[in-house]
Amino acid sequence: MATVRVSGVEVAYARVGDGPGPPLVLVHGAGLDGRMWQPQAEALADDFTVVAWDEPGAGRSSDVPAGFGLVDYARALAAVVEDLGRGPAHVAGLSWGGTVVLELYRQRPELVRTLILADTYAGWRGSLPADEVTARVVAAERMLAAPSAEFDPALPGLFAAGGPPASFAGLIEAMQREVRPRTLGAQLHLMAETDLRDVLPRVAVPVLLLWGEADARSPLAVARDFAAEIAGAELVLLPGAGHLSNLEDPEGFTRAVRAFCHAHV
């Protein structure tokens, strides 16, 4: 693990491989950490320098101060890319991670070689109907109000089959045991407030949209909205996969990322 300090926060990231082209930076979803990218990091390290961060407030990174917002997450991610010293990176984000990646592009487009946006949102407010956003906020507040012994950070609808693949069940459980409720609550409320639709038509780098075809949390309508707004975006659907498509179809997900990055060195 390496660390970088930004705005008083220690941000940890794992780095594997030493490919000659732009690094591939992987940005995880809310309630998880960099370990969610285990199958991609293992498979892609032969071709790329693969970096998976633990966002501020998760994994081996330090807690976030009060008022830490989406802009702060993006600045922290920019610091990781700069710390690599390898120039613009392929930057991939899944779910909440994709929202962070879009904010990174808004602030620091010169750090981004390509964007890989997987099962994500332009913020909930930017991608979902208002009544669905309200329902998610109510559910989040109910979850966060539960006694600590009953706190369960598993968001509904993450997997098409209703539960994680058996090969990754232990990994998911380990990450969820270490979720920090204050961090997760802040992120879910940030998602409810965020609308990044104005960023989409301004994206001027190659974009891969990678979606689980059975994603119930970020439905295909969201992917198609992204494809309509981002000029030249490539949309790849993973049959049978849900919201955490990188774990439900790790081979298909990794294959698409590998081909896209090789096409845009």
Protein backbone atom coordinates (compact mmCIF):
# COMPACT_ATOMS: atom_id res chain seq x y z
CA MET A 1 0.00 0.00 0.00
CA ALA A 2 1.06 3.57 -0.71
CA THR A 3 -0.43 6.69 0.84
CA VAL A 4 -0.84 10.30 -0.15
CA ARG A 5 -1.93 13.13 2.14
CA VAL A 6 -4.41 15.70 0.85
CA SER A 7 -6.51 18.22 2.78
CA GLY A 8 -5.46 16.59 6.05
CA VAL A 9 -6.64 13.12 4.98
CA GLU A 10 -4.42 10.07 4.46
CA VAL A 11 -5.49 8.24 1.30
CA ALA A 12 -4.26 4.67 0.82
CA TYR A 13 -3.99 2.89 -2.49
CA ALA A 14 -2.74 -0.46 -3.74
CA ARG A 15 -0.61 -0.64 -6.88
CA VAL A 16 0.15 -3.80 -8.86
CA GLY A 17 1.81 -4.38 -12.22
CA ASP A 18 4.08 -2.08 -14.16
CA GLY A 19 2.60 -1.74 -17.62
CA PRO A 20 4.20 0.73 -20.03
CA GLY A 21 1.09 2.77 -20.85
CA PRO A 22 -1.19 5.00 -18.78
CA PRO A 23 -2.05 3.58 -15.35
CA LEU A 24 -5.51 2.17 -14.70
CA VAL A 25 -7.06 3.72 -11.58
CA LEU A 26 -10.06 1.88 -10.08
CA VAL A 27 -12.59 3.73 -7.90
CA HIS A 28 -14.92 1.62 -5.77
CA GLY A 29 -18.56 2.07 -4.80
CA ALA A 30 -20.06 3.26 -1.50
CA GLY A 31 -19.95 0.85 1.41
CA LEU A 32 -16.98 -0.97 -0.12
CA ASP A 33 -13.24 -0.41 -0.53
CA GLY A 34 -10.47 -1.11 -3.01
CA ARG A 35 -10.70 -4.86 -2.43
CA MET A 36 -13.84 -4.96 -4.59
CA TRP A 37 -11.49 -4.72 -7.59
CA GLN A 38 -9.56 -7.87 -6.65
CA PRO A 39 -10.44 -9.86 -9.81
CA GLN A 40 -9.62 -6.95 -12.13
CA ALA A 41 -6.36 -6.08 -10.36
CA GLU A 42 -5.17 -9.69 -10.52
CA ALA A 43 -6.14 -10.16 -14.16
CA LEU A 44 -4.94 -6.82 -15.55
CA ALA A 45 -1.63 -6.45 -13.72
CA ASP A 46 0.16 -8.26 -16.53
CA ASP A 47 -0.72 -5.46 -18.99
CA PHE A 48 -1.15 -2.32 -16.88
CA THR A 49 -0.12 -0.50 -13.75
CA VAL A 50 -3.34 -1.08 -11.81
CA VAL A 51 -4.22 1.16 -8.87
CA ALA A 52 -7.17 0.64 -6.51
CA TRP A 53 -7.69 3.31 -3.89
CA ASP A 54 -9.45 3.12 -0.55
CA GLU A 55 -11.42 6.33 -0.68
CA PRO A 56 -11.25 8.71 2.28
CA GLY A 57 -13.30 7.19 5.10
CA ALA A 58 -12.94 3.60 3.84
CA GLY A 59 -10.51 0.72 4.05
CA ARG A 60 -7.04 1.79 5.11
CA SER A 61 -7.63 5.50 4.49
CA SER A 62 -8.30 7.89 7.34
CA ASP A 63 -11.68 9.23 8.40
CA VAL A 64 -13.06 12.28 6.67
CA PRO A 65 -13.73 15.55 8.47
CA ALA A 66 -17.22 16.97 8.75
CA GLY A 67 -18.41 18.64 5.58
CA PHE A 68 -16.22 16.54 3.29
CA GLY A 69 -17.99 16.79 -0.06
CA LEU A 70 -17.88 15.40 -3.57
CA VAL A 71 -15.33 18.03 -4.59
CA ASP A 72 -13.07 16.86 -1.75
CA TYR A 73 -13.31 13.23 -2.87
CA ALA A 74 -12.37 14.29 -6.39
CA ARG A 75 -9.40 16.30 -5.11
CA ALA A 76 -8.23 13.27 -3.14
CA LEU A 77 -8.49 11.11 -6.24
CA ALA A 78 -6.54 13.71 -8.23
CA ALA A 79 -3.79 13.52 -5.61
CA VAL A 80 -3.55 9.76 -6.11
CA VAL A 81 -3.25 10.13 -9.89
CA GLU A 82 -0.58 12.81 -9.46
CA ASP A 83 1.29 10.70 -6.90
CA LEU A 84 1.71 7.95 -9.51
CA GLY A 85 3.76 10.32 -11.66
CA ARG A 86 2.66 8.57 -14.84
CA GLY A 87 0.62 11.29 -16.55
CA PRO A 88 -3.07 11.01 -17.45
CA ALA A 89 -4.70 7.75 -16.37
CA HIS A 90 -7.46 5.44 -17.47
CA VAL A 91 -9.91 6.14 -14.62
CA ALA A 92 -12.69 3.66 -13.86
CA GLY A 93 -15.49 4.15 -11.34
CA LEU A 94 -18.40 1.91 -10.42
CA SER A 95 -21.65 3.22 -8.87
CA TRP A 96 -20.77 6.05 -6.42
CA GLY A 97 -17.20 5.68 -7.67
CA GLY A 98 -18.32 6.71 -11.16
CA THR A 99 -19.87 9.86 -9.73
CA VAL A 100 -16.56 10.69 -8.04
CA VAL A 101 -14.77 10.06 -11.34
CA LEU A 102 -17.10 12.45 -13.20
CA GLU A 103 -16.37 15.13 -10.61
CA LEU A 104 -12.64 14.46 -11.08
CA TYR A 105 -13.10 15.03 -14.80
CA ARG A 106 -14.97 18.27 -14.12
CA GLN A 107 -12.14 19.60 -11.99
CA ARG A 108 -9.01 18.06 -13.52
CA PRO A 109 -9.62 16.78 -17.07
CA GLU A 110 -5.90 16.87 -17.79
CA LEU A 111 -5.42 13.91 -15.43
CA VAL A 112 -7.81 11.67 -17.37
CA ARG A 113 -6.75 9.67 -20.45
CA THR A 114 -10.04 7.77 -20.67
CA LEU A 115 -13.14 7.27 -18.54
CA ILE A 116 -14.66 3.88 -17.69
CA LEU A 117 -18.06 4.42 -16.09
CA ALA A 118 -19.68 1.27 -14.75
CA ASP A 119 -23.21 0.92 -13.35
CA THR A 120 -23.07 4.51 -12.20
CA TYR A 121 -24.99 7.78 -11.97
CA ALA A 122 -24.62 11.47 -12.67
CA GLY A 123 -25.57 11.59 -9.00
CA TRP A 124 -28.92 10.13 -7.97
CA ARG A 125 -30.57 13.50 -8.57
CA GLY A 126 -29.02 13.60 -12.02
CA SER A 127 -30.04 10.08 -13.05
CA LEU A 128 -33.09 8.86 -11.12
CA PRO A 129 -36.72 9.99 -10.77
CA ALA A 130 -37.35 12.26 -7.79
CA ASP A 131 -39.58 9.72 -6.03
CA GLU A 132 -36.87 7.05 -6.29
CA VAL A 133 -34.29 9.44 -4.82
CA THR A 134 -36.66 10.19 -1.93
CA ALA A 135 -37.23 6.49 -1.30
CA ARG A 136 -33.49 5.84 -1.23
CA VAL A 137 -32.88 8.66 1.23
CA VAL A 138 -35.62 7.32 3.54
CA ALA A 139 -34.13 3.81 3.35
CA ALA A 140 -30.64 5.16 4.04
CA GLU A 141 -31.80 7.11 7.07
CA ARG A 142 -33.60 4.03 8.41
CA MET A 143 -30.46 1.94 7.96
CA LEU A 144 -28.26 4.52 9.66
CA ALA A 145 -30.66 4.93 12.59
CA ALA A 146 -30.49 1.23 13.47
CA PRO A 147 -28.61 0.24 16.65
CA SER A 148 -24.98 -0.58 15.97
CA ALA A 149 -25.59 -4.29 16.56
CA GLU A 150 -28.22 -4.25 13.81
CA PHE A 151 -26.43 -1.99 11.32
CA ASP A 152 -26.43 -3.64 7.89
CA PRO A 153 -24.75 -1.66 5.08
CA ALA A 154 -25.84 -4.08 2.34
CA LEU A 155 -27.86 -1.94 -0.07
CA PRO A 156 -30.75 -3.68 -1.82
CA GLY A 157 -30.52 -4.75 -5.43
CA LEU A 158 -26.74 -5.02 -5.72
CA PHE A 159 -26.79 -8.45 -7.36
CA ALA A 160 -29.03 -9.81 -10.09
CA ALA A 161 -29.21 -13.18 -8.36
CA GLY A 162 -30.23 -11.64 -5.01
CA GLY A 163 -26.90 -12.33 -3.35
CA PRO A 164 -23.19 -12.15 -4.17
CA PRO A 165 -21.52 -14.87 -6.21
CA ALA A 166 -20.27 -17.61 -3.91
CA SER A 167 -16.67 -16.97 -4.91
CA PHE A 168 -16.87 -13.38 -3.65
CA ALA A 169 -19.29 -13.72 -0.72
CA GLY A 170 -16.48 -13.73 1.83
CA LEU A 171 -14.87 -10.68 0.25
CA ILE A 172 -18.14 -8.71 0.28
CA GLU A 173 -18.80 -9.69 3.90
CA ALA A 174 -15.29 -8.63 4.96
CA MET A 175 -15.68 -5.20 3.34
CA GLN A 176 -19.14 -4.65 4.80
CA ARG A 177 -17.95 -5.52 8.32
CA GLU A 178 -15.57 -2.55 8.09
CA VAL A 179 -18.02 0.03 6.72
CA ARG A 180 -18.01 3.27 8.71
CA PRO A 181 -21.64 4.35 9.10
CA ARG A 182 -20.87 8.08 9.16
CA THR A 183 -18.96 7.83 5.89
CA LEU A 184 -21.64 5.77 4.18
CA GLY A 185 -24.40 8.09 5.34
CA ALA A 186 -22.57 11.15 4.06
CA GLN A 187 -21.98 9.51 0.69
CA LEU A 188 -25.58 8.45 0.22
CA HIS A 189 -26.78 11.96 1.01
CA LEU A 190 -24.21 13.41 -1.39
CA MET A 191 -25.55 11.11 -4.09
CA ALA A 192 -29.08 12.33 -3.41
CA GLU A 193 -27.98 15.95 -3.82
CA THR A 194 -25.74 15.56 -6.86
CA ASP A 195 -26.61 16.28 -10.49
CA LEU A 196 -23.67 16.07 -12.90
CA ARG A 197 -25.65 15.92 -16.12
CA ASP A 198 -23.98 19.11 -17.29
CA VAL A 199 -20.60 17.33 -17.29
CA LEU A 200 -21.63 14.58 -19.72
CA PRO A 201 -21.75 16.55 -22.99
CA ARG A 202 -18.42 18.20 -22.11
CA VAL A 203 -16.49 14.94 -21.86
CA ALA A 204 -13.82 14.99 -24.58
CA VAL A 205 -11.91 11.75 -23.88
CA PRO A 206 -12.80 8.19 -24.92
CA VAL A 207 -15.50 6.71 -22.68
CA LEU A 208 -16.50 3.13 -21.98
CA LEU A 209 -19.93 2.62 -20.41
CA LEU A 210 -19.94 -0.83 -18.82
CA TRP A 211 -23.25 -1.98 -17.38
CA GLY A 212 -24.79 -5.10 -15.89
CA GLU A 213 -27.79 -5.79 -18.09
CA ALA A 214 -29.84 -6.75 -15.01
CA ASP A 215 -28.73 -3.76 -12.88
CA ALA A 216 -31.68 -2.80 -10.67
CA ARG A 217 -30.00 0.12 -8.90
CA SER A 218 -28.73 1.97 -11.97
CA PRO A 219 -31.06 0.67 -14.68
CA LEU A 220 -30.19 0.52 -18.36
CA ALA A 221 -32.13 3.75 -18.92
CA VAL A 222 -29.32 5.53 -17.05
CA ALA A 223 -26.69 3.91 -19.26
CA ARG A 224 -28.58 4.97 -22.37
CA ASP A 225 -28.88 8.53 -21.07
CA PHE A 226 -25.10 8.59 -20.62
CA ALA A 227 -24.60 7.17 -24.12
CA ALA A 228 -26.86 9.83 -25.60
CA GLU A 229 -25.07 12.70 -23.85
CA ILE A 230 -21.41 11.66 -24.19
CA ALA A 231 -20.25 11.92 -27.78
CA GLY A 232 -18.68 8.69 -29.04
CA ALA A 233 -19.22 6.73 -25.82
CA GLU A 234 -19.03 2.95 -26.21
CA LEU A 235 -21.73 1.01 -24.33
CA VAL A 236 -21.03 -2.62 -23.36
CA LEU A 237 -23.71 -4.66 -21.57
CA LEU A 238 -22.91 -7.68 -19.43
CA PRO A 239 -25.78 -10.20 -19.70
CA GLY A 240 -27.12 -11.49 -16.40
CA ALA A 241 -24.99 -9.16 -14.26
CA GLY A 242 -26.38 -6.70 -11.73
CA HIS A 243 -25.07 -3.54 -10.11
CA LEU A 244 -21.71 -4.95 -8.98
CA SER A 245 -21.08 -6.24 -12.47
CA ASN A 246 -17.32 -6.51 -11.95
CA LEU A 247 -17.98 -9.31 -9.41
CA GLU A 248 -20.95 -10.99 -11.08
CA ASP A 249 -19.18 -11.21 -14.45
CA PRO A 250 -15.51 -10.59 -13.66
CA GLU A 251 -14.28 -12.17 -16.88
CA GLY A 252 -16.59 -10.15 -19.14
CA PHE A 253 -15.94 -6.94 -17.20
CA THR A 254 -12.18 -7.40 -17.31
CA ARG A 255 -12.18 -8.34 -20.98
CA ALA A 256 -14.05 -5.15 -21.89
CA VAL A 257 -11.73 -2.96 -19.81
CA ARG A 258 -8.62 -4.58 -21.26
CA ALA A 259 -9.78 -4.13 -24.87
CA PHE A 260 -10.85 -0.52 -24.30
CA CYS A 261 -7.62 0.53 -22.59
CA HIS A 262 -5.48 -1.15 -25.24
CA ALA A 263 -7.44 0.74 -27.91
CA HIS A 264 -6.70 4.08 -26.21
CA VAL A 265 -3.11 3.94 -25.00
